Amino acid sequence: MALVGSYVALSKPLAAVLPVFLLAWMRFGIGGIAMLHWLRKPAGEPPLTPQTRRLLFLESFLGNVLFSICMLYGVSLTDAISAGVTLAAIPAAVAVMGWAFLRERVAPRTWIAVVCAVIGIALFSLSKPEHAAHAGSASGGENSQNLAWLGQLLLVGAVLCEAAYTVIGKKLTGSLGPKRITSLINLWGFALTTPVGLYMALRFDFAAVGWGTWVLLVFYALAACMWTVWLWMTGLKAVPAAQGGVFSVLLPVSAALVGVLVLGESLTGLQLLAFGIALASVLLATLPSRAALRMGRRG
């Protein structure tokens, strides 16, 4: 999640140069080339069952494609603050889905961590400077107000997609290795975005793109499609889904830190408080329980 926040912050120039769906298609293509050797089935891994194939498709469709669509259009119909506050519900949604579909027992301390994560992300979103400007400005017209409910609905859809991505990923790690999962869902992502991506590629002037943008695109593709997904799936193999969902707080934290350290932005006191609460949630979720400490002493 820290790496996700970093490349999100550093990839802003890409969206200004490349159309979103073309960017997504090229991202999956570059990631697929880098992961060709991960597609091969390991000797000890069972063959793909029809259920596993369906889960791989849903993992890519919900987590890669539908999440991006709901997020992008949700923000365009509301604002970034509404998006941040709504997406703060991701840890709670993951915990509830993990309990409902995976029958995971969520410990009381994990629920407290989830609450802290939600508060931290929401507080950070509300403390952004653009929130004050948004609150003090006049309404954007009757048409924008009428479409705001659709934007909120799309953002709720993004929350459910991201939670499903974590829960399905946890399910997949029971039968497939992290590298194979990463390469297969990337292959589905490439297939799903090819029609629109290819259409936009035929109409785009690639000669106008500078070499610095190409370097950033390669980093973005490898980080988004390969490194972060592999790390996430490796972690989910050993960590309950609800506990893993808490780590989504590191996305806005790392994105803001990159903005401060690299892009010259500044932090307010309220944002620092939000970061403290968010990091406390991670600490609560990762500290060993008393039972684990007792087992460690006996060992």
C-alpha atoms as a PDB file:
ATOM      1  CA  MET A   1       0.000   0.000   0.000  1.00  0.00           C
ATOM      2  CA  ALA A   2       2.910   2.348   0.667  1.00  0.00           C
ATOM      3  CA  LEU A   3       4.242   1.639  -2.823  1.00  0.00           C
ATOM      4  CA  VAL A   4       0.763   2.171  -4.306  1.00  0.00           C
ATOM      5  CA  GLY A   5       0.557   5.597  -2.677  1.00  0.00           C
ATOM      6  CA  SER A   6       4.015   6.451  -3.975  1.00  0.00           C
ATOM      7  CA  TYR A   7       3.348   5.626  -7.607  1.00  0.00           C
ATOM      8  CA  VAL A   8      -0.095   7.250  -7.487  1.00  0.00           C
ATOM      9  CA  ALA A   9       1.530  10.508  -6.397  1.00  0.00           C
ATOM     10  CA  LEU A  10       4.350  10.278  -8.935  1.00  0.00           C
ATOM     11  CA  SER A  11       2.159   9.205 -11.856  1.00  0.00           C
ATOM     12  CA  LYS A  12       0.034  12.366 -11.973  1.00  0.00           C
ATOM     13  CA  PRO A  13       1.921  13.672 -15.050  1.00  0.00           C
ATOM     14  CA  LEU A  14       0.967  10.498 -16.958  1.00  0.00           C
ATOM     15  CA  ALA A  15      -2.745  11.258 -16.748  1.00  0.00           C
ATOM     16  CA  ALA A  16      -2.065  14.720 -18.173  1.00  0.00           C
ATOM     17  CA  VAL A  17      -0.347  13.260 -21.268  1.00  0.00           C
ATOM     18  CA  LEU A  18      -2.085   9.925 -21.935  1.00  0.00           C
ATOM     19  CA  PRO A  19      -5.836   9.157 -22.034  1.00  0.00           C
ATOM     20  CA  VAL A  20      -6.891   7.093 -19.018  1.00  0.00           C
ATOM     21  CA  PHE A  21      -7.934   3.940 -20.875  1.00  0.00           C
ATOM     22  CA  LEU A  22      -4.864   4.058 -23.129  1.00  0.00           C
ATOM     23  CA  LEU A  23      -2.723   4.419 -20.013  1.00  0.00           C
ATOM     24  CA  ALA A  24      -4.447   1.400 -18.427  1.00  0.00           C
ATOM     25  CA  TRP A  25      -3.999  -0.728 -21.562  1.00  0.00           C
ATOM     26  CA  MET A  26      -0.307   0.132 -21.892  1.00  0.00           C
ATOM     27  CA  ARG A  27       0.197  -0.472 -18.171  1.00  0.00           C
ATOM     28  CA  PHE A  28      -1.194  -4.018 -18.435  1.00  0.00           C
ATOM     29  CA  GLY A  29       0.818  -4.637 -21.604  1.00  0.00           C
ATOM     30  CA  ILE A  30       4.147  -3.599 -20.068  1.00  0.00           C
ATOM     31  CA  GLY A  31       3.382  -5.529 -16.894  1.00  0.00           C
ATOM     32  CA  GLY A  32       2.428  -8.611 -18.928  1.00  0.00           C
ATOM     33  CA  ILE A  33       5.734  -8.597 -20.823  1.00  0.00           C
ATOM     34  CA  ALA A  34       7.636  -8.364 -17.531  1.00  0.00           C
ATOM     35  CA  MET A  35       5.645 -11.274 -16.054  1.00  0.00           C
ATOM     36  CA  LEU A  36       5.630 -13.737 -18.956  1.00  0.00           C
ATOM     37  CA  HIS A  37       7.773 -16.191 -16.964  1.00  0.00           C
ATOM     38  CA  TRP A  38       5.287 -16.025 -14.061  1.00  0.00           C
ATOM     39  CA  LEU A  39       2.469 -17.469 -16.205  1.00  0.00           C
ATOM     40  CA  ARG A  40       4.007 -20.938 -16.255  1.00  0.00           C
ATOM     41  CA  LYS A  41       2.314 -23.345 -13.823  1.00  0.00           C
ATOM     42  CA  PRO A  42       4.683 -24.535 -11.051  1.00  0.00           C
ATOM     43  CA  ALA A  43       5.156 -28.287 -10.795  1.00  0.00           C
ATOM     44  CA  GLY A  44       3.407 -28.675  -7.450  1.00  0.00           C
ATOM     45  CA  GLU A  45       0.450 -26.404  -8.214  1.00  0.00           C
ATOM     46  CA  PRO A  46      -2.936 -27.989  -8.996  1.00  0.00           C
ATOM     47  CA  PRO A  47      -4.591 -27.277 -12.370  1.00  0.00           C
ATOM     48  CA  LEU A  48      -7.001 -24.352 -12.594  1.00  0.00           C
ATOM     49  CA  THR A  49     -10.561 -25.348 -11.718  1.00  0.00           C
ATOM     50  CA  PRO A  50     -13.600 -23.585 -13.250  1.00  0.00           C
ATOM     51  CA  GLN A  51     -14.200 -21.836  -9.906  1.00  0.00           C
ATOM     52  CA  THR A  52     -10.597 -20.581  -9.785  1.00  0.00           C
ATOM     53  CA  ARG A  53     -10.885 -19.280 -13.354  1.00  0.00           C
ATOM     54  CA  ARG A  54     -14.048 -17.380 -12.430  1.00  0.00           C
ATOM     55  CA  LEU A  55     -12.373 -15.915  -9.349  1.00  0.00           C
ATOM     56  CA  LEU A  56      -9.365 -14.777 -11.422  1.00  0.00           C
ATOM     57  CA  PHE A  57     -11.684 -13.028 -13.869  1.00  0.00           C
ATOM     58  CA  LEU A  58     -13.636 -11.356 -11.044  1.00  0.00           C
ATOM     59  CA  GLU A  59     -10.388 -10.336  -9.314  1.00  0.00           C
ATOM     60  CA  SER A  60      -9.228  -8.496 -12.413  1.00  0.00           C
ATOM     61  CA  PHE A  61     -12.629  -7.168 -13.510  1.00  0.00           C
ATOM     62  CA  LEU A  62     -13.606  -5.819 -10.068  1.00  0.00           C
ATOM     63  CA  GLY A  63     -10.179  -4.791  -8.754  1.00  0.00           C
ATOM     64  CA  ASN A  64      -8.525  -3.494 -11.923  1.00  0.00           C
ATOM     65  CA  VAL A  65     -11.224  -2.364 -14.356  1.00  0.00           C
ATOM     66  CA  LEU A  66     -14.485  -1.648 -12.525  1.00  0.00           C
ATOM     67  CA  PHE A  67     -12.742  -0.040  -9.529  1.00  0.00           C
ATOM     68  CA  SER A  68     -10.909   2.403 -11.814  1.00  0.00           C
ATOM     69  CA  ILE A  69     -14.098   3.286 -13.725  1.00  0.00           C
ATOM     70  CA  CYS A  70     -16.148   3.823 -10.546  1.00  0.00           C
ATOM     71  CA  MET A  71     -13.350   5.831  -8.953  1.00  0.00           C
ATOM     72  CA  LEU A  72     -12.598   8.085 -11.934  1.00  0.00           C
ATOM     73  CA  TYR A  73     -16.196   8.875 -12.835  1.00  0.00           C
ATOM     74  CA  GLY A  74     -17.249   9.068  -9.173  1.00  0.00           C
ATOM     75  CA  VAL A  75     -14.661  11.782  -8.527  1.00  0.00           C
ATOM     76  CA  SER A  76     -15.626  13.614 -11.735  1.00  0.00           C
ATOM     77  CA  LEU A  77     -19.272  13.799 -10.616  1.00  0.00           C
ATOM     78  CA  THR A  78     -18.523  14.800  -7.003  1.00  0.00           C
ATOM     79  CA  ASP A  79     -15.081  15.900  -5.790  1.00  0.00           C
ATOM     80  CA  ALA A  80     -11.842  14.495  -4.402  1.00  0.00           C
ATOM     81  CA  ILE A  81     -12.934  15.117  -0.805  1.00  0.00           C
ATOM     82  CA  SER A  82     -16.099  13.060  -1.196  1.00  0.00           C
ATOM     83  CA  ALA A  83     -13.986  10.335  -2.777  1.00  0.00           C
ATOM     84  CA  GLY A  84     -11.527  10.311   0.117  1.00  0.00           C
ATOM     85  CA  VAL A  85     -14.246  10.199   2.773  1.00  0.00           C
ATOM     86  CA  THR A  86     -16.177   7.454   0.964  1.00  0.00           C
ATOM     87  CA  LEU A  87     -13.073   5.360   0.276  1.00  0.00           C
ATOM     88  CA  ALA A  88     -12.275   5.525   3.987  1.00  0.00           C
ATOM     89  CA  ALA A  89     -14.874   2.769   4.331  1.00  0.00           C
ATOM     90  CA  ILE A  90     -12.630   0.238   2.526  1.00  0.00           C
ATOM     91  CA  PRO A  91     -11.112  -1.330   5.704  1.00  0.00           C
ATOM     92  CA  ALA A  92     -14.576  -1.796   7.216  1.00  0.00           C
ATOM     93  CA  ALA A  93     -15.956  -3.225   3.951  1.00  0.00           C
ATOM     94  CA  VAL A  94     -13.064  -5.705   3.770  1.00  0.00           C
ATOM     95  CA  ALA A  95     -13.663  -6.813   7.372  1.00  0.00           C
ATOM     96  CA  VAL A  96     -17.391  -7.347   6.776  1.00  0.00           C
ATOM     97  CA  MET A  97     -16.830  -9.211   3.484  1.00  0.00           C
ATOM     98  CA  GLY A  98     -14.122 -11.376   5.036  1.00  0.00           C
ATOM     99  CA  TRP A  99     -16.524 -12.313   7.837  1.00  0.00           C
ATOM    100  CA  ALA A 100     -19.443 -12.932   5.449  1.00  0.00           C
ATOM    101  CA  PHE A 101     -17.728 -14.809   2.603  1.00  0.00           C
ATOM    102  CA  LEU A 102     -14.567 -16.299   4.141  1.00  0.00           C
ATOM    103  CA  ARG A 103     -16.057 -16.973   7.590  1.00  0.00           C
ATOM    104  CA  GLU A 104     -13.099 -15.199   9.173  1.00  0.00           C
ATOM    105  CA  ARG A 105     -13.349 -14.383  12.845  1.00  0.00           C
ATOM    106  CA  VAL A 106     -12.530 -10.697  13.267  1.00  0.00           C
ATOM    107  CA  ALA A 107     -10.855 -10.043  16.626  1.00  0.00           C
ATOM    108  CA  PRO A 108     -12.039  -7.033  18.689  1.00  0.00           C
ATOM    109  CA  ARG A 109      -8.624  -5.394  18.321  1.00  0.00           C
ATOM    110  CA  THR A 110      -8.902  -5.669  14.525  1.00  0.00           C
ATOM    111  CA  TRP A 111     -12.303  -3.928  14.625  1.00  0.00           C
ATOM    112  CA  ILE A 112     -10.720  -1.116  16.668  1.00  0.00           C
ATOM    113  CA  ALA A 113      -7.947  -0.908  14.052  1.00  0.00           C
ATOM    114  CA  VAL A 114     -10.587  -0.728  11.296  1.00  0.00           C
ATOM    115  CA  VAL A 115     -12.360   2.144  13.095  1.00  0.00           C
ATOM    116  CA  CYS A 116      -9.055   4.015  13.493  1.00  0.00           C
ATOM    117  CA  ALA A 117      -8.284   3.470   9.799  1.00  0.00           C
ATOM    118  CA  VAL A 118     -11.663   4.859   8.737  1.00  0.00           C
ATOM    119  CA  ILE A 119     -11.285   7.900  11.023  1.00  0.00           C
ATOM    120  CA  GLY A 120      -7.722   8.525   9.861  1.00  0.00           C
ATOM    121  CA  ILE A 121      -8.510   8.431   6.130  1.00  0.00           C
ATOM    122  CA  ALA A 122     -11.704  10.489   6.509  1.00  0.00           C
ATOM    123  CA  LEU A 123      -9.968  13.098   8.676  1.00  0.00           C
ATOM    124  CA  PHE A 124      -7.126  13.370   6.187  1.00  0.00           C
ATOM    125  CA  SER A 125      -9.578  13.895   3.306  1.00  0.00           C
ATOM    126  CA  LEU A 126     -11.498  16.564   5.228  1.00  0.00           C
ATOM    127  CA  SER A 127      -8.264  18.384   6.095  1.00  0.00           C
ATOM    128  CA  LYS A 128      -7.186  18.894   2.465  1.00  0.00           C
ATOM    129  CA  PRO A 129      -7.011  22.544   1.359  1.00  0.00           C
ATOM    130  CA  GLU A 130      -9.420  21.936  -1.522  1.00  0.00           C
ATOM    131  CA  HIS A 131     -12.096  20.963   1.021  1.00  0.00           C
ATOM    132  CA  ALA A 132     -12.173  24.509   2.351  1.00  0.00           C
ATOM    133  CA  ALA A 133     -12.412  25.879  -1.169  1.00  0.00           C
ATOM    134  CA  HIS A 134     -15.156  23.423  -1.999  1.00  0.00           C
ATOM    135  CA  ALA A 135     -17.105  24.288   1.151  1.00  0.00           C
ATOM    136  CA  GLY A 136     -16.795  28.021   0.599  1.00  0.00           C
ATOM    137  CA  SER A 137     -17.730  28.058  -3.069  1.00  0.00           C
ATOM    138  CA  ALA A 138     -21.186  28.265  -4.547  1.00  0.00           C
ATOM    139  CA  SER A 139     -22.875  25.177  -5.847  1.00  0.00           C
ATOM    140  CA  GLY A 140     -21.831  24.073  -9.319  1.00  0.00           C
ATOM    141  CA  GLY A 141     -25.387  24.368 -10.619  1.00  0.00           C
ATOM    142  CA  GLU A 142     -28.513  22.304 -10.484  1.00  0.00           C
ATOM    143  CA  ASN A 143     -27.134  19.762 -12.978  1.00  0.00           C
ATOM    144  CA  SER A 144     -24.077  19.008 -10.813  1.00  0.00           C
ATOM    145  CA  GLN A 145     -26.262  18.605  -7.721  1.00  0.00           C
ATOM    146  CA  ASN A 146     -28.510  16.207  -9.590  1.00  0.00           C
ATOM    147  CA  LEU A 147     -25.495  14.108 -10.626  1.00  0.00           C
ATOM    148  CA  ALA A 148     -23.850  14.145  -7.181  1.00  0.00           C
ATOM    149  CA  TRP A 149     -25.924  11.160  -6.023  1.00  0.00           C
ATOM    150  CA  LEU A 150     -24.651   9.161  -9.015  1.00  0.00           C
ATOM    151  CA  GLY A 151     -21.077  10.115  -8.137  1.00  0.00           C
ATOM    152  CA  GLN A 152     -21.559   8.948  -4.546  1.00  0.00           C
ATOM    153  CA  LEU A 153     -23.113   5.710  -5.783  1.00  0.00           C
ATOM    154  CA  LEU A 154     -20.109   5.094  -8.029  1.00  0.00           C
ATOM    155  CA  LEU A 155     -17.730   5.770  -5.131  1.00  0.00           C
ATOM    156  CA  VAL A 156     -19.603   3.250  -2.976  1.00  0.00           C
ATOM    157  CA  GLY A 157     -19.207   0.834  -5.891  1.00  0.00           C
ATOM    158  CA  ALA A 158     -15.447   1.519  -5.850  1.00  0.00           C
ATOM    159  CA  VAL A 159     -15.350   0.669  -2.139  1.00  0.00           C
ATOM    160  CA  LEU A 160     -17.141  -2.643  -2.738  1.00  0.00           C
ATOM    161  CA  CYS A 161     -14.864  -3.461  -5.694  1.00  0.00           C
ATOM    162  CA  GLU A 162     -11.706  -2.847  -3.666  1.00  0.00           C
ATOM    163  CA  ALA A 163     -13.034  -4.890  -0.734  1.00  0.00           C
ATOM    164  CA  ALA A 164     -13.970  -7.730  -3.097  1.00  0.00           C
ATOM    165  CA  TYR A 165     -10.455  -7.537  -4.596  1.00  0.00           C
ATOM    166  CA  THR A 166      -8.946  -8.211  -1.171  1.00  0.00           C
ATOM    167  CA  VAL A 167     -11.381 -10.983  -0.217  1.00  0.00           C
ATOM    168  CA  ILE A 168     -11.133 -12.791  -3.576  1.00  0.00           C
ATOM    169  CA  GLY A 169      -7.353 -12.424  -3.457  1.00  0.00           C
ATOM    170  CA  LYS A 170      -7.328 -14.096  -0.047  1.00  0.00           C
ATOM    171  CA  LYS A 171      -9.422 -16.951  -1.484  1.00  0.00           C
ATOM    172  CA  LEU A 172      -7.090 -17.381  -4.473  1.00  0.00           C
ATOM    173  CA  THR A 173      -3.956 -17.613  -2.315  1.00  0.00           C
ATOM    174  CA  GLY A 174      -5.312 -20.889  -0.948  1.00  0.00           C
ATOM    175  CA  SER A 175      -4.708 -22.649  -4.284  1.00  0.00           C
ATOM    176  CA  LEU A 176      -2.344 -20.468  -6.342  1.00  0.00           C
ATOM    177  CA  GLY A 177       1.005 -18.830  -5.686  1.00  0.00           C
ATOM    178  CA  PRO A 178       1.269 -15.001  -5.508  1.00  0.00           C
ATOM    179  CA  LYS A 179       3.304 -14.737  -8.739  1.00  0.00           C
ATOM    180  CA  ARG A 180       0.820 -16.820 -10.736  1.00  0.00           C
ATOM    181  CA  ILE A 181      -2.153 -14.844  -9.391  1.00  0.00           C
ATOM    182  CA  THR A 182      -0.421 -11.568 -10.251  1.00  0.00           C
ATOM    183  CA  SER A 183       0.352 -12.599 -13.837  1.00  0.00           C
ATOM    184  CA  LEU A 184      -3.070 -14.148 -14.538  1.00  0.00           C
ATOM    185  CA  ILE A 185      -5.158 -11.209 -13.298  1.00  0.00           C
ATOM    186  CA  ASN A 186      -2.869  -8.860 -15.249  1.00  0.00           C
ATOM    187  CA  LEU A 187      -3.532 -10.946 -18.376  1.00  0.00           C
ATOM    188  CA  TRP A 188      -7.278 -10.574 -17.809  1.00  0.00           C
ATOM    189  CA  GLY A 189      -6.822  -6.822 -17.285  1.00  0.00           C
ATOM    190  CA  PHE A 190      -4.980  -6.542 -20.606  1.00  0.00           C
ATOM    191  CA  ALA A 191      -7.713  -8.515 -22.408  1.00  0.00           C
ATOM    192  CA  LEU A 192     -10.520  -6.418 -20.891  1.00  0.00           C
ATOM    193  CA  THR A 193      -8.901  -3.071 -21.765  1.00  0.00           C
ATOM    194  CA  THR A 194      -7.636  -4.036 -25.249  1.00  0.00           C
ATOM    195  CA  PRO A 195     -10.715  -2.977 -27.307  1.00  0.00           C
ATOM    196  CA  VAL A 196     -10.826   0.591 -25.929  1.00  0.00           C
ATOM    197  CA  GLY A 197      -7.035   0.854 -25.529  1.00  0.00           C
ATOM    198  CA  LEU A 198      -6.351  -0.223 -29.103  1.00  0.00           C
ATOM    199  CA  TYR A 199      -8.978   2.194 -30.423  1.00  0.00           C
ATOM    200  CA  MET A 200      -7.347   5.090 -28.550  1.00  0.00           C
ATOM    201  CA  ALA A 201      -3.840   4.012 -29.553  1.00  0.00           C
ATOM    202  CA  LEU A 202      -4.741   4.274 -33.249  1.00  0.00           C
ATOM    203  CA  ARG A 203      -5.824   7.895 -32.731  1.00  0.00           C
ATOM    204  CA  PHE A 204      -3.016   9.014 -30.395  1.00  0.00           C
ATOM    205  CA  ASP A 205       0.182  10.873 -31.355  1.00  0.00           C
ATOM    206  CA  PHE A 206       2.908   8.882 -29.564  1.00  0.00           C
ATOM    207  CA  ALA A 207       5.671  11.030 -31.092  1.00  0.00           C
ATOM    208  CA  ALA A 208       4.559  13.935 -28.871  1.00  0.00           C
ATOM    209  CA  VAL A 209       5.372  11.987 -25.687  1.00  0.00           C
ATOM    210  CA  GLY A 210       8.744  12.836 -24.121  1.00  0.00           C
ATOM    211  CA  TRP A 211      11.274  10.244 -22.959  1.00  0.00           C
ATOM    212  CA  GLY A 212      10.746  11.198 -19.304  1.00  0.00           C
ATOM    213  CA  THR A 213       7.072  10.224 -19.612  1.00  0.00           C
ATOM    214  CA  TRP A 214       8.049   6.838 -21.065  1.00  0.00           C
ATOM    215  CA  VAL A 215      10.403   6.169 -18.149  1.00  0.00           C
ATOM    216  CA  LEU A 216       7.665   7.109 -15.686  1.00  0.00           C
ATOM    217  CA  LEU A 217       5.200   4.890 -17.565  1.00  0.00           C
ATOM    218  CA  VAL A 218       7.496   1.856 -17.236  1.00  0.00           C
ATOM    219  CA  PHE A 219       7.901   2.465 -13.499  1.00  0.00           C
ATOM    220  CA  TYR A 220       4.149   2.949 -13.104  1.00  0.00           C
ATOM    221  CA  ALA A 221       3.367  -0.244 -15.018  1.00  0.00           C
ATOM    222  CA  LEU A 222       5.845  -2.401 -13.092  1.00  0.00           C
ATOM    223  CA  ALA A 223       4.792  -0.956  -9.741  1.00  0.00           C
ATOM    224  CA  ALA A 224       1.027  -1.107 -10.404  1.00  0.00           C
ATOM    225  CA  CYS A 225       0.804  -4.459 -12.186  1.00  0.00           C
ATOM    226  CA  MET A 226       3.724  -6.438 -10.798  1.00  0.00           C
ATOM    227  CA  TRP A 227       5.413  -5.351  -7.588  1.00  0.00           C
ATOM    228  CA  THR A 228       2.438  -4.148  -5.547  1.00  0.00           C
ATOM    229  CA  VAL A 229       0.097  -6.993  -6.549  1.00  0.00           C
ATOM    230  CA  TRP A 230       2.758  -9.625  -5.820  1.00  0.00           C
ATOM    231  CA  LEU A 231       3.489  -8.075  -2.408  1.00  0.00           C
ATOM    232  CA  TRP A 232      -0.250  -7.821  -1.642  1.00  0.00           C
ATOM    233  CA  MET A 233      -0.971 -11.445  -2.583  1.00  0.00           C
ATOM    234  CA  THR A 234       2.082 -12.668  -0.671  1.00  0.00           C
ATOM    235  CA  GLY A 235       0.848 -10.829   2.420  1.00  0.00           C
ATOM    236  CA  LEU A 236      -2.735 -12.077   2.053  1.00  0.00           C
ATOM    237  CA  LYS A 237      -1.448 -15.660   1.980  1.00  0.00           C
ATOM    238  CA  ALA A 238      -0.507 -15.327   5.658  1.00  0.00           C
ATOM    239  CA  VAL A 239      -2.753 -12.498   6.929  1.00  0.00           C
ATOM    240  CA  PRO A 240      -6.574 -12.488   7.381  1.00  0.00           C
ATOM    241  CA  ALA A 241      -8.454 -10.307   4.905  1.00  0.00           C
ATOM    242  CA  ALA A 242      -9.772  -7.957   7.615  1.00  0.00           C
ATOM    243  CA  GLN A 243      -6.272  -7.357   8.961  1.00  0.00           C
ATOM    244  CA  GLY A 244      -4.932  -6.796   5.446  1.00  0.00           C
ATOM    245  CA  GLY A 245      -7.645  -4.246   4.706  1.00  0.00           C
ATOM    246  CA  VAL A 246      -6.358  -2.008   7.504  1.00  0.00           C
ATOM    247  CA  PHE A 247      -3.169  -1.453   5.521  1.00  0.00           C
ATOM    248  CA  SER A 248      -5.091   0.583   2.931  1.00  0.00           C
ATOM    249  CA  VAL A 249      -4.437   3.562   5.223  1.00  0.00           C
ATOM    250  CA  LEU A 250      -0.830   3.550   4.022  1.00  0.00           C
ATOM    251  CA  LEU A 251      -1.948   4.616   0.542  1.00  0.00           C
ATOM    252  CA  PRO A 252      -2.891   8.241   1.413  1.00  0.00           C
ATOM    253  CA  VAL A 253      -0.063   8.424   3.967  1.00  0.00           C
ATOM    254  CA  SER A 254       2.660   7.488   1.469  1.00  0.00           C
ATOM    255  CA  ALA A 255       1.090   9.585  -1.307  1.00  0.00           C
ATOM    256  CA  ALA A 256       1.159  12.641   0.951  1.00  0.00           C
ATOM    257  CA  LEU A 257       4.745  11.966   2.060  1.00  0.00           C
ATOM    258  CA  VAL A 258       5.864  11.767  -1.572  1.00  0.00           C
ATOM    259  CA  GLY A 259       4.041  15.043  -2.191  1.00  0.00           C
ATOM    260  CA  VAL A 260       5.946  16.664   0.686  1.00  0.00           C
ATOM    261  CA  LEU A 261       9.387  15.161   0.024  1.00  0.00           C
ATOM    262  CA  VAL A 262       9.374  15.175  -3.795  1.00  0.00           C
ATOM    263  CA  LEU A 263       6.716  17.608  -5.003  1.00  0.00           C
ATOM    264  CA  GLY A 264       7.297  20.365  -2.419  1.00  0.00           C
ATOM    265  CA  GLU A 265       3.845  20.229  -0.807  1.00  0.00           C
ATOM    266  CA  SER A 266       3.183  20.916   2.891  1.00  0.00           C
ATOM    267  CA  LEU A 267       1.242  19.212   5.697  1.00  0.00           C
ATOM    268  CA  THR A 268      -1.212  20.842   8.092  1.00  0.00           C
ATOM    269  CA  GLY A 269      -1.557  20.025  11.778  1.00  0.00           C
ATOM    270  CA  LEU A 270      -4.871  18.266  11.136  1.00  0.00           C
ATOM    271  CA  GLN A 271      -3.245  16.098   8.474  1.00  0.00           C
ATOM    272  CA  LEU A 272      -0.493  15.108  10.897  1.00  0.00           C
ATOM    273  CA  LEU A 273      -3.160  14.107  13.426  1.00  0.00           C
ATOM    274  CA  ALA A 274      -4.910  12.052  10.725  1.00  0.00           C
ATOM    275  CA  PHE A 275      -1.642  10.311   9.892  1.00  0.00           C
ATOM    276  CA  GLY A 276      -1.080   9.520  13.568  1.00  0.00           C
ATOM    277  CA  ILE A 277      -4.512   7.882  13.839  1.00  0.00           C
ATOM    278  CA  ALA A 278      -3.999   5.987  10.574  1.00  0.00           C
ATOM    279  CA  LEU A 279      -0.605   4.637  11.650  1.00  0.00           C
ATOM    280  CA  ALA A 280      -2.065   3.674  15.036  1.00  0.00           C
ATOM    281  CA  SER A 281      -4.542   1.457  13.176  1.00  0.00           C
ATOM    282  CA  VAL A 282      -1.674  -0.358  11.442  1.00  0.00           C
ATOM    283  CA  LEU A 283       0.092  -0.784  14.783  1.00  0.00           C
ATOM    284  CA  LEU A 284      -3.051  -2.243  16.360  1.00  0.00           C
ATOM    285  CA  ALA A 285      -3.527  -4.624  13.454  1.00  0.00           C
ATOM    286  CA  THR A 286       0.059  -5.919  13.416  1.00  0.00           C
ATOM    287  CA  LEU A 287       1.078  -6.173  17.073  1.00  0.00           C
ATOM    288  CA  PRO A 288       1.204  -9.836  18.146  1.00  0.00           C
ATOM    289  CA  SER A 289      -1.622 -11.006  20.389  1.00  0.00           C
ATOM    290  CA  ARG A 290      -1.073 -12.311  23.911  1.00  0.00           C
ATOM    291  CA  ALA A 291      -1.628 -15.863  22.692  1.00  0.00           C
ATOM    292  CA  ALA A 292       1.052 -15.421  20.013  1.00  0.00           C
ATOM    293  CA  LEU A 293       3.469 -14.021  22.577  1.00  0.00           C
ATOM    294  CA  ARG A 294       2.832 -16.987  24.875  1.00  0.00           C
ATOM    295  CA  MET A 295       3.432 -19.389  21.986  1.00  0.00           C
ATOM    296  CA  GLY A 296       6.655 -17.557  21.155  1.00  0.00           C
ATOM    297  CA  ARG A 297       7.929 -17.874  24.719  1.00  0.00           C
ATOM    298  CA  ARG A 298       7.135 -21.589  24.771  1.00  0.00           C
ATOM    299  CA  GLY A 299       8.918 -22.030  21.470  1.00  0.00           C
END
